[in-house]
């Protein structure tokens, strides 16, 4: 199998340490396997995006020594492809329109799991609706870090097109990974329970199934994932090497002390040559205290 990996950040703000972990793990696993590493900007949610964030992300990755293959893909340029796949599911009766709110679902079911109300009671064609994909089974998979995974408690008909007219993450990322021939997906474990949904869509579209590896997410002392919402600090672009060293240690790679004084490109070369994915802790989250 030709190895093709990717890093797919959303332009909601500058990259932080949690972003660096996902970028570094996916990059090193691709390069250590003589593979390609693509960069995709997942900019399908304008209300959450920060103006200029895409340029900040690209500049930051360059300062940290990352080199990607080909041109940068932007999801905002790919709406026609997503629309085509969405219509294919609707025409095959594998998806249906839904106008239920979260409050209505909870009132009926006592949980957030959907009860297929709109499947048996179709909304009027004039109503503004989301689109749900039929899904009555959980698909187990073997994670390269965490081992065998299964999420039967999350099995329900999930949204693939939002009521506000935006394409949902599950549809867009599945289509993009197939279109780019992604063979390996290395990402944070916060997306672990999204994987069965993407596997389900891959089967419906007859797409090949990539291999998955979910790394631990870095959390603060309250157990919250480092993110813009939890006030994670942006990466310091003027001094990338210490942060790369910390990320390698978090990922269990045990960098030698003398290599931590090298420029970022040299450190990445060492890390590529010594990369061992099996050293990554088999955990979904690890507390990380950001240096003052």
C-alpha atoms as a PDB file:
ATOM      1  CA  UNK A   1       0.000   0.000   0.000  1.00  0.00           C
ATOM      2  CA  UNK A   2       1.268   3.470  -0.912  1.00  0.00           C
ATOM      3  CA  UNK A   3       1.216   5.552   2.253  1.00  0.00           C
ATOM      4  CA  UNK A   4      -0.708   8.820   1.989  1.00  0.00           C
ATOM      5  CA  UNK A   5      -1.417  10.747   5.183  1.00  0.00           C
ATOM      6  CA  UNK A   6      -2.845  14.145   5.960  1.00  0.00           C
ATOM      7  CA  UNK A   7      -3.260  16.908   8.521  1.00  0.00           C
ATOM      8  CA  UNK A   8      -6.620  18.687   8.405  1.00  0.00           C
ATOM      9  CA  UNK A   9      -6.952  21.654  10.773  1.00  0.00           C
ATOM     10  CA  UNK A  10      -9.965  23.947  10.970  1.00  0.00           C
ATOM     11  CA  UNK A  11      -9.154  27.673  10.693  1.00  0.00           C
ATOM     12  CA  UNK A  12     -10.756  28.636  14.007  1.00  0.00           C
ATOM     13  CA  UNK A  13      -7.565  30.185  15.395  1.00  0.00           C
ATOM     14  CA  UNK A  14      -3.768  29.784  15.615  1.00  0.00           C
ATOM     15  CA  UNK A  15      -2.241  26.339  16.091  1.00  0.00           C
ATOM     16  CA  UNK A  16      -1.575  25.335  19.714  1.00  0.00           C
ATOM     17  CA  UNK A  17       0.220  22.416  21.395  1.00  0.00           C
ATOM     18  CA  UNK A  18      -2.701  20.055  20.777  1.00  0.00           C
ATOM     19  CA  UNK A  19      -2.627  20.949  17.079  1.00  0.00           C
ATOM     20  CA  UNK A  20       1.124  20.356  17.010  1.00  0.00           C
ATOM     21  CA  UNK A  21       0.681  16.825  18.361  1.00  0.00           C
ATOM     22  CA  UNK A  22      -1.702  15.874  15.544  1.00  0.00           C
ATOM     23  CA  UNK A  23       0.447  17.536  12.877  1.00  0.00           C
ATOM     24  CA  UNK A  24       3.664  15.980  14.159  1.00  0.00           C
ATOM     25  CA  UNK A  25       2.321  12.442  14.619  1.00  0.00           C
ATOM     26  CA  UNK A  26       0.687  12.356  11.178  1.00  0.00           C
ATOM     27  CA  UNK A  27       3.756  13.910   9.522  1.00  0.00           C
ATOM     28  CA  UNK A  28       6.304  11.586  11.111  1.00  0.00           C
ATOM     29  CA  UNK A  29       4.266   8.454  10.480  1.00  0.00           C
ATOM     30  CA  UNK A  30       3.954   9.399   6.795  1.00  0.00           C
ATOM     31  CA  UNK A  31       7.601  10.325   6.320  1.00  0.00           C
ATOM     32  CA  UNK A  32       8.890   7.310   8.289  1.00  0.00           C
ATOM     33  CA  UNK A  33       6.914   5.107   5.871  1.00  0.00           C
ATOM     34  CA  UNK A  34       8.265   6.952   2.791  1.00  0.00           C
ATOM     35  CA  UNK A  35       4.797   8.348   2.274  1.00  0.00           C
ATOM     36  CA  UNK A  36       3.159  11.583   1.207  1.00  0.00           C
ATOM     37  CA  UNK A  37       1.656  14.067   3.664  1.00  0.00           C
ATOM     38  CA  UNK A  38      -1.151  16.324   2.504  1.00  0.00           C
ATOM     39  CA  UNK A  39      -2.511  19.467   4.106  1.00  0.00           C
ATOM     40  CA  UNK A  40      -6.246  20.134   4.047  1.00  0.00           C
ATOM     41  CA  UNK A  41      -8.008  23.151   5.531  1.00  0.00           C
ATOM     42  CA  UNK A  42     -11.441  22.178   6.852  1.00  0.00           C
ATOM     43  CA  UNK A  43     -13.189  25.513   6.418  1.00  0.00           C
ATOM     44  CA  UNK A  44     -16.842  24.517   6.160  1.00  0.00           C
ATOM     45  CA  UNK A  45     -18.115  26.368   9.233  1.00  0.00           C
ATOM     46  CA  UNK A  46     -17.735  30.137   8.596  1.00  0.00           C
ATOM     47  CA  UNK A  47     -19.341  31.235  11.910  1.00  0.00           C
ATOM     48  CA  UNK A  48     -16.565  29.457  13.843  1.00  0.00           C
ATOM     49  CA  UNK A  49     -13.662  30.570  11.627  1.00  0.00           C
ATOM     50  CA  UNK A  50     -11.229  33.345  12.447  1.00  0.00           C
ATOM     51  CA  UNK A  51     -10.304  35.740   9.623  1.00  0.00           C
ATOM     52  CA  UNK A  52      -6.722  35.119   8.516  1.00  0.00           C
ATOM     53  CA  UNK A  53      -6.406  31.850  10.447  1.00  0.00           C
ATOM     54  CA  UNK A  54      -5.564  29.779   7.354  1.00  0.00           C
ATOM     55  CA  UNK A  55      -2.551  31.951   6.573  1.00  0.00           C
ATOM     56  CA  UNK A  56      -1.475  31.783  10.217  1.00  0.00           C
ATOM     57  CA  UNK A  57      -1.661  27.984  10.142  1.00  0.00           C
ATOM     58  CA  UNK A  58       0.380  27.678   6.940  1.00  0.00           C
ATOM     59  CA  UNK A  59       3.020  30.119   8.176  1.00  0.00           C
ATOM     60  CA  UNK A  60       3.286  28.347  11.527  1.00  0.00           C
ATOM     61  CA  UNK A  61       3.720  24.912   9.926  1.00  0.00           C
ATOM     62  CA  UNK A  62       6.491  26.285   7.727  1.00  0.00           C
ATOM     63  CA  UNK A  63       8.261  27.838  10.725  1.00  0.00           C
ATOM     64  CA  UNK A  64       8.146  24.453  12.483  1.00  0.00           C
ATOM     65  CA  UNK A  65       9.790  22.767   9.491  1.00  0.00           C
ATOM     66  CA  UNK A  66       6.800  20.864   8.075  1.00  0.00           C
ATOM     67  CA  UNK A  67       6.783  20.272   4.331  1.00  0.00           C
ATOM     68  CA  UNK A  68       3.624  18.998   2.647  1.00  0.00           C
ATOM     69  CA  UNK A  69       3.036  17.402  -0.734  1.00  0.00           C
ATOM     70  CA  UNK A  70       1.015  19.089  -3.454  1.00  0.00           C
ATOM     71  CA  UNK A  71      -1.254  22.074  -3.057  1.00  0.00           C
ATOM     72  CA  UNK A  72      -3.305  22.879   0.011  1.00  0.00           C
ATOM     73  CA  UNK A  73      -6.900  21.633  -0.281  1.00  0.00           C
ATOM     74  CA  UNK A  74      -9.689  23.844   1.067  1.00  0.00           C
ATOM     75  CA  UNK A  75     -13.052  22.271   1.770  1.00  0.00           C
ATOM     76  CA  UNK A  76     -14.805  25.522   0.931  1.00  0.00           C
ATOM     77  CA  UNK A  77     -13.832  24.898  -2.719  1.00  0.00           C
ATOM     78  CA  UNK A  78     -15.434  21.448  -2.811  1.00  0.00           C
ATOM     79  CA  UNK A  79     -19.158  22.023  -2.218  1.00  0.00           C
ATOM     80  CA  UNK A  80     -20.183  20.600  -5.599  1.00  0.00           C
ATOM     81  CA  UNK A  81     -18.529  17.270  -4.788  1.00  0.00           C
ATOM     82  CA  UNK A  82     -20.235  17.074  -1.389  1.00  0.00           C
ATOM     83  CA  UNK A  83     -23.593  17.985  -2.945  1.00  0.00           C
ATOM     84  CA  UNK A  84     -23.213  15.214  -5.499  1.00  0.00           C
ATOM     85  CA  UNK A  85     -22.511  12.628  -2.781  1.00  0.00           C
ATOM     86  CA  UNK A  86     -25.385  13.935  -0.656  1.00  0.00           C
ATOM     87  CA  UNK A  87     -27.840  13.611  -3.530  1.00  0.00           C
ATOM     88  CA  UNK A  88     -26.614  10.083  -4.242  1.00  0.00           C
ATOM     89  CA  UNK A  89     -27.533   9.030  -0.702  1.00  0.00           C
ATOM     90  CA  UNK A  90     -30.935  10.729  -0.859  1.00  0.00           C
ATOM     91  CA  UNK A  91     -31.781   9.145  -4.204  1.00  0.00           C
ATOM     92  CA  UNK A  92     -30.801   5.710  -2.872  1.00  0.00           C
ATOM     93  CA  UNK A  93     -32.990   6.203   0.230  1.00  0.00           C
ATOM     94  CA  UNK A  94     -29.873   5.935   2.399  1.00  0.00           C
ATOM     95  CA  UNK A  95     -30.481   9.415   3.817  1.00  0.00           C
ATOM     96  CA  UNK A  96     -33.540  11.480   4.680  1.00  0.00           C
ATOM     97  CA  UNK A  97     -34.586  15.005   5.650  1.00  0.00           C
ATOM     98  CA  UNK A  98     -35.073  15.836   9.321  1.00  0.00           C
ATOM     99  CA  UNK A  99     -36.405  18.958  11.064  1.00  0.00           C
ATOM    100  CA  UNK A 100     -36.128  17.744  14.671  1.00  0.00           C
ATOM    101  CA  UNK A 101     -34.370  19.966  17.184  1.00  0.00           C
ATOM    102  CA  UNK A 102     -32.094  18.602  19.900  1.00  0.00           C
ATOM    103  CA  UNK A 103     -34.678  19.576  22.500  1.00  0.00           C
ATOM    104  CA  UNK A 104     -37.417  17.641  20.687  1.00  0.00           C
ATOM    105  CA  UNK A 105     -35.205  14.554  20.436  1.00  0.00           C
ATOM    106  CA  UNK A 106     -34.358  14.679  24.130  1.00  0.00           C
ATOM    107  CA  UNK A 107     -38.017  15.115  25.084  1.00  0.00           C
ATOM    108  CA  UNK A 108     -39.002  12.044  23.059  1.00  0.00           C
ATOM    109  CA  UNK A 109     -36.089   9.731  23.850  1.00  0.00           C
ATOM    110  CA  UNK A 110     -34.534  11.032  27.071  1.00  0.00           C
ATOM    111  CA  UNK A 111     -31.159  11.089  25.327  1.00  0.00           C
ATOM    112  CA  UNK A 112     -29.375  12.645  22.365  1.00  0.00           C
ATOM    113  CA  UNK A 113     -29.757   9.488  20.236  1.00  0.00           C
ATOM    114  CA  UNK A 114     -32.129   9.981  17.332  1.00  0.00           C
ATOM    115  CA  UNK A 115     -35.325   7.913  17.097  1.00  0.00           C
ATOM    116  CA  UNK A 116     -35.927   8.203  13.326  1.00  0.00           C
ATOM    117  CA  UNK A 117     -39.076  10.248  13.834  1.00  0.00           C
ATOM    118  CA  UNK A 118     -38.651  12.075  10.517  1.00  0.00           C
ATOM    119  CA  UNK A 119     -37.922   8.825   8.683  1.00  0.00           C
ATOM    120  CA  UNK A 120     -41.443   7.648   9.436  1.00  0.00           C
ATOM    121  CA  UNK A 121     -42.975  11.166   9.507  1.00  0.00           C
ATOM    122  CA  UNK A 122     -41.311  13.032   6.594  1.00  0.00           C
ATOM    123  CA  UNK A 123     -41.317  16.831   6.931  1.00  0.00           C
ATOM    124  CA  UNK A 124     -43.030  18.963   4.325  1.00  0.00           C
ATOM    125  CA  UNK A 125     -40.847  19.721   1.317  1.00  0.00           C
ATOM    126  CA  UNK A 126     -41.098  23.425   2.118  1.00  0.00           C
ATOM    127  CA  UNK A 127     -39.580  23.011   5.597  1.00  0.00           C
ATOM    128  CA  UNK A 128     -35.955  23.853   6.281  1.00  0.00           C
ATOM    129  CA  UNK A 129     -34.305  20.563   7.238  1.00  0.00           C
ATOM    130  CA  UNK A 130     -31.084  18.807   7.996  1.00  0.00           C
ATOM    131  CA  UNK A 131     -30.229  15.522   6.270  1.00  0.00           C
ATOM    132  CA  UNK A 132     -29.475  12.362   8.241  1.00  0.00           C
ATOM    133  CA  UNK A 133     -27.712   9.237   7.027  1.00  0.00           C
ATOM    134  CA  UNK A 134     -29.375   5.920   7.853  1.00  0.00           C
ATOM    135  CA  UNK A 135     -27.136   3.995  10.233  1.00  0.00           C
ATOM    136  CA  UNK A 136     -28.369   1.047  12.269  1.00  0.00           C
ATOM    137  CA  UNK A 137     -25.071  -0.638  13.008  1.00  0.00           C
ATOM    138  CA  UNK A 138     -21.749   0.187  14.604  1.00  0.00           C
ATOM    139  CA  UNK A 139     -18.667  -0.814  12.647  1.00  0.00           C
ATOM    140  CA  UNK A 140     -15.789  -2.076  14.803  1.00  0.00           C
ATOM    141  CA  UNK A 141     -12.277  -1.288  13.692  1.00  0.00           C
ATOM    142  CA  UNK A 142      -8.699  -1.954  14.718  1.00  0.00           C
ATOM    143  CA  UNK A 143      -6.897   1.194  15.811  1.00  0.00           C
ATOM    144  CA  UNK A 144      -3.130   1.126  15.310  1.00  0.00           C
ATOM    145  CA  UNK A 145      -2.576   2.633  18.780  1.00  0.00           C
ATOM    146  CA  UNK A 146      -5.658   1.839  20.869  1.00  0.00           C
ATOM    147  CA  UNK A 147      -6.467  -1.620  19.518  1.00  0.00           C
ATOM    148  CA  UNK A 148      -9.966  -2.963  18.847  1.00  0.00           C
ATOM    149  CA  UNK A 149     -12.685  -0.298  19.003  1.00  0.00           C
ATOM    150  CA  UNK A 150     -16.470  -0.363  18.956  1.00  0.00           C
ATOM    151  CA  UNK A 151     -19.079   2.256  19.889  1.00  0.00           C
ATOM    152  CA  UNK A 152     -22.544   0.656  19.880  1.00  0.00           C
ATOM    153  CA  UNK A 153     -23.878   3.319  22.259  1.00  0.00           C
ATOM    154  CA  UNK A 154     -23.282   5.985  19.594  1.00  0.00           C
ATOM    155  CA  UNK A 155     -25.122   4.207  16.781  1.00  0.00           C
ATOM    156  CA  UNK A 156     -27.861   6.388  15.336  1.00  0.00           C
ATOM    157  CA  UNK A 157     -28.738   8.242  12.139  1.00  0.00           C
ATOM    158  CA  UNK A 158     -26.198  11.061  12.068  1.00  0.00           C
ATOM    159  CA  UNK A 159     -26.400  14.446  10.343  1.00  0.00           C
ATOM    160  CA  UNK A 160     -24.519  14.834   7.058  1.00  0.00           C
ATOM    161  CA  UNK A 161     -26.029  18.177   5.994  1.00  0.00           C
ATOM    162  CA  UNK A 162     -27.011  20.813   8.500  1.00  0.00           C
ATOM    163  CA  UNK A 163     -30.250  22.754   8.671  1.00  0.00           C
ATOM    164  CA  UNK A 164     -28.282  25.994   8.116  1.00  0.00           C
ATOM    165  CA  UNK A 165     -27.170  24.711   4.708  1.00  0.00           C
ATOM    166  CA  UNK A 166     -23.619  23.705   5.682  1.00  0.00           C
ATOM    167  CA  UNK A 167     -22.189  20.274   4.935  1.00  0.00           C
ATOM    168  CA  UNK A 168     -21.456  18.306   8.088  1.00  0.00           C
ATOM    169  CA  UNK A 169     -17.990  17.140   9.085  1.00  0.00           C
ATOM    170  CA  UNK A 170     -18.698  13.407   8.680  1.00  0.00           C
ATOM    171  CA  UNK A 171     -19.689  13.692   5.022  1.00  0.00           C
ATOM    172  CA  UNK A 172     -17.004  16.156   3.964  1.00  0.00           C
ATOM    173  CA  UNK A 173     -14.079  14.403   5.626  1.00  0.00           C
ATOM    174  CA  UNK A 174     -15.108  10.980   4.291  1.00  0.00           C
ATOM    175  CA  UNK A 175     -15.397  12.265   0.733  1.00  0.00           C
ATOM    176  CA  UNK A 176     -12.125  14.196   0.959  1.00  0.00           C
ATOM    177  CA  UNK A 177     -10.142  11.277   2.373  1.00  0.00           C
ATOM    178  CA  UNK A 178     -11.340   9.075  -0.488  1.00  0.00           C
ATOM    179  CA  UNK A 179     -10.763  11.731  -3.158  1.00  0.00           C
ATOM    180  CA  UNK A 180      -7.199  12.243  -1.899  1.00  0.00           C
ATOM    181  CA  UNK A 181      -6.552   8.484  -1.629  1.00  0.00           C
ATOM    182  CA  UNK A 182      -5.690   8.795   2.050  1.00  0.00           C
ATOM    183  CA  UNK A 183      -4.407   5.441   3.279  1.00  0.00           C
ATOM    184  CA  UNK A 184      -3.582   6.280   6.920  1.00  0.00           C
ATOM    185  CA  UNK A 185      -5.350   8.699   9.251  1.00  0.00           C
ATOM    186  CA  UNK A 186      -3.382   9.724  12.349  1.00  0.00           C
ATOM    187  CA  UNK A 187      -5.358  12.163  14.487  1.00  0.00           C
ATOM    188  CA  UNK A 188      -6.497  12.966  18.023  1.00  0.00           C
ATOM    189  CA  UNK A 189      -8.636  10.565  20.020  1.00  0.00           C
ATOM    190  CA  UNK A 190     -11.298  13.281  20.365  1.00  0.00           C
ATOM    191  CA  UNK A 191     -12.371  12.075  16.898  1.00  0.00           C
ATOM    192  CA  UNK A 192     -12.366   8.393  17.852  1.00  0.00           C
ATOM    193  CA  UNK A 193     -16.157   8.061  17.987  1.00  0.00           C
ATOM    194  CA  UNK A 194     -16.455   9.737  14.573  1.00  0.00           C
ATOM    195  CA  UNK A 195     -14.592   6.865  12.951  1.00  0.00           C
ATOM    196  CA  UNK A 196     -17.527   4.367  12.822  1.00  0.00           C
ATOM    197  CA  UNK A 197     -19.661   7.002  11.084  1.00  0.00           C
ATOM    198  CA  UNK A 198     -16.946   7.568   8.492  1.00  0.00           C
ATOM    199  CA  UNK A 199     -16.487   3.828   8.035  1.00  0.00           C
ATOM    200  CA  UNK A 200     -20.234   3.554   7.463  1.00  0.00           C
ATOM    201  CA  UNK A 201     -20.152   6.247   4.768  1.00  0.00           C
ATOM    202  CA  UNK A 202     -17.128   4.604   3.174  1.00  0.00           C
ATOM    203  CA  UNK A 203     -19.136   1.398   2.814  1.00  0.00           C
ATOM    204  CA  UNK A 204     -22.142   3.204   1.365  1.00  0.00           C
ATOM    205  CA  UNK A 205     -19.962   4.955  -1.230  1.00  0.00           C
ATOM    206  CA  UNK A 206     -17.840   1.840  -1.847  1.00  0.00           C
ATOM    207  CA  UNK A 207     -14.717   3.756  -0.816  1.00  0.00           C
ATOM    208  CA  UNK A 208     -11.547   1.991   0.363  1.00  0.00           C
ATOM    209  CA  UNK A 209     -11.061   1.982   4.136  1.00  0.00           C
ATOM    210  CA  UNK A 210      -7.984   3.776   5.492  1.00  0.00           C
ATOM    211  CA  UNK A 211      -6.073   2.604   8.543  1.00  0.00           C
ATOM    212  CA  UNK A 212      -6.669   4.673  11.684  1.00  0.00           C
ATOM    213  CA  UNK A 213      -4.401   5.665  14.563  1.00  0.00           C
ATOM    214  CA  UNK A 214      -5.733   7.922  17.331  1.00  0.00           C
ATOM    215  CA  UNK A 215      -3.193   9.658  19.525  1.00  0.00           C
ATOM    216  CA  UNK A 216      -3.934  10.895  23.062  1.00  0.00           C
ATOM    217  CA  UNK A 217      -5.251  14.432  23.276  1.00  0.00           C
ATOM    218  CA  UNK A 218      -3.499  16.860  25.592  1.00  0.00           C
ATOM    219  CA  UNK A 219      -5.749  18.155  28.366  1.00  0.00           C
ATOM    220  CA  UNK A 220      -5.528  20.860  31.003  1.00  0.00           C
ATOM    221  CA  UNK A 221      -5.790  20.173  34.733  1.00  0.00           C
ATOM    222  CA  UNK A 222      -9.619  20.194  34.461  1.00  0.00           C
ATOM    223  CA  UNK A 223      -9.518  17.376  31.917  1.00  0.00           C
ATOM    224  CA  UNK A 224     -10.484  19.676  29.051  1.00  0.00           C
ATOM    225  CA  UNK A 225      -8.869  19.185  25.659  1.00  0.00           C
ATOM    226  CA  UNK A 226      -6.451  21.964  24.731  1.00  0.00           C
ATOM    227  CA  UNK A 227      -8.309  24.152  22.275  1.00  0.00           C
ATOM    228  CA  UNK A 228      -9.155  27.735  21.489  1.00  0.00           C
ATOM    229  CA  UNK A 229     -12.263  27.375  23.677  1.00  0.00           C
ATOM    230  CA  UNK A 230     -10.135  26.311  26.679  1.00  0.00           C
ATOM    231  CA  UNK A 231      -7.652  29.162  26.065  1.00  0.00           C
ATOM    232  CA  UNK A 232      -4.751  27.015  24.844  1.00  0.00           C
ATOM    233  CA  UNK A 233      -1.756  29.203  24.061  1.00  0.00           C
ATOM    234  CA  UNK A 234      -0.758  29.670  20.415  1.00  0.00           C
ATOM    235  CA  UNK A 235       2.511  28.028  19.407  1.00  0.00           C
ATOM    236  CA  UNK A 236       5.596  30.210  19.728  1.00  0.00           C
ATOM    237  CA  UNK A 237       6.759  30.462  16.120  1.00  0.00           C
ATOM    238  CA  UNK A 238      10.029  32.178  17.048  1.00  0.00           C
ATOM    239  CA  UNK A 239      11.306  29.157  18.996  1.00  0.00           C
ATOM    240  CA  UNK A 240       9.859  25.918  17.555  1.00  0.00           C
ATOM    241  CA  UNK A 241      12.479  23.398  18.725  1.00  0.00           C
ATOM    242  CA  UNK A 242      11.543  23.213  22.455  1.00  0.00           C
ATOM    243  CA  UNK A 243       7.889  22.728  21.516  1.00  0.00           C
ATOM    244  CA  UNK A 244       8.763  20.028  18.993  1.00  0.00           C
ATOM    245  CA  UNK A 245      10.820  18.319  21.685  1.00  0.00           C
ATOM    246  CA  UNK A 246       7.933  18.470  24.153  1.00  0.00           C
ATOM    247  CA  UNK A 247       5.564  17.057  21.536  1.00  0.00           C
ATOM    248  CA  UNK A 248       7.949  14.181  20.801  1.00  0.00           C
ATOM    249  CA  UNK A 249       8.152  13.388  24.504  1.00  0.00           C
ATOM    250  CA  UNK A 250       4.358  13.494  24.815  1.00  0.00           C
ATOM    251  CA  UNK A 251       4.186  11.013  21.928  1.00  0.00           C
ATOM    252  CA  UNK A 252       6.636   8.681  23.700  1.00  0.00           C
ATOM    253  CA  UNK A 253       9.462   9.160  21.199  1.00  0.00           C
ATOM    254  CA  UNK A 254      12.291   9.810  23.695  1.00  0.00           C
ATOM    255  CA  UNK A 255      14.385  12.397  21.814  1.00  0.00           C
ATOM    256  CA  UNK A 256      18.043  12.419  22.739  1.00  0.00           C
ATOM    257  CA  UNK A 257      19.140  15.555  24.666  1.00  0.00           C
ATOM    258  CA  UNK A 258      21.729  16.649  22.102  1.00  0.00           C
ATOM    259  CA  UNK A 259      19.191  16.601  19.251  1.00  0.00           C
ATOM    260  CA  UNK A 260      17.021  19.139  21.081  1.00  0.00           C
ATOM    261  CA  UNK A 261      19.554  21.875  20.335  1.00  0.00           C
ATOM    262  CA  UNK A 262      19.357  21.339  16.562  1.00  0.00           C
ATOM    263  CA  UNK A 263      17.320  23.453  14.121  1.00  0.00           C
ATOM    264  CA  UNK A 264      13.757  22.324  13.518  1.00  0.00           C
ATOM    265  CA  UNK A 265      14.382  20.649  10.099  1.00  0.00           C
ATOM    266  CA  UNK A 266      17.222  18.576  11.562  1.00  0.00           C
ATOM    267  CA  UNK A 267      15.139  17.622  14.574  1.00  0.00           C
ATOM    268  CA  UNK A 268      12.328  16.486  12.270  1.00  0.00           C
ATOM    269  CA  UNK A 269      14.781  14.407  10.234  1.00  0.00           C
ATOM    270  CA  UNK A 270      15.997  12.688  13.415  1.00  0.00           C
ATOM    271  CA  UNK A 271      12.423  12.141  14.562  1.00  0.00           C
ATOM    272  CA  UNK A 272      11.484  10.632  11.197  1.00  0.00           C
ATOM    273  CA  UNK A 273      14.411   8.213  11.264  1.00  0.00           C
ATOM    274  CA  UNK A 274      13.621   7.154  14.839  1.00  0.00           C
ATOM    275  CA  UNK A 275       9.826   7.205  14.705  1.00  0.00           C
ATOM    276  CA  UNK A 276       8.029   4.325  16.416  1.00  0.00           C
ATOM    277  CA  UNK A 277       4.233   4.571  16.438  1.00  0.00           C
ATOM    278  CA  UNK A 278       4.083   1.745  18.984  1.00  0.00           C
ATOM    279  CA  UNK A 279       5.730   4.049  21.538  1.00  0.00           C
ATOM    280  CA  UNK A 280       2.711   6.362  21.587  1.00  0.00           C
ATOM    281  CA  UNK A 281       0.789   5.814  24.841  1.00  0.00           C
ATOM    282  CA  UNK A 282      -2.385   3.784  24.334  1.00  0.00           C
ATOM    283  CA  UNK A 283      -4.528   6.404  26.058  1.00  0.00           C
ATOM    284  CA  UNK A 284      -7.264   8.739  24.878  1.00  0.00           C
ATOM    285  CA  UNK A 285      -6.054  11.728  26.936  1.00  0.00           C
ATOM    286  CA  UNK A 286      -3.013  12.844  28.918  1.00  0.00           C
ATOM    287  CA  UNK A 287      -2.815  15.924  31.107  1.00  0.00           C
ATOM    288  CA  UNK A 288      -0.327  18.468  29.831  1.00  0.00           C
ATOM    289  CA  UNK A 289       0.869  21.506  31.751  1.00  0.00           C
ATOM    290  CA  UNK A 290       1.888  24.262  29.413  1.00  0.00           C
ATOM    291  CA  UNK A 291       5.189  25.880  30.308  1.00  0.00           C
ATOM    292  CA  UNK A 292       5.059  29.425  31.670  1.00  0.00           C
END
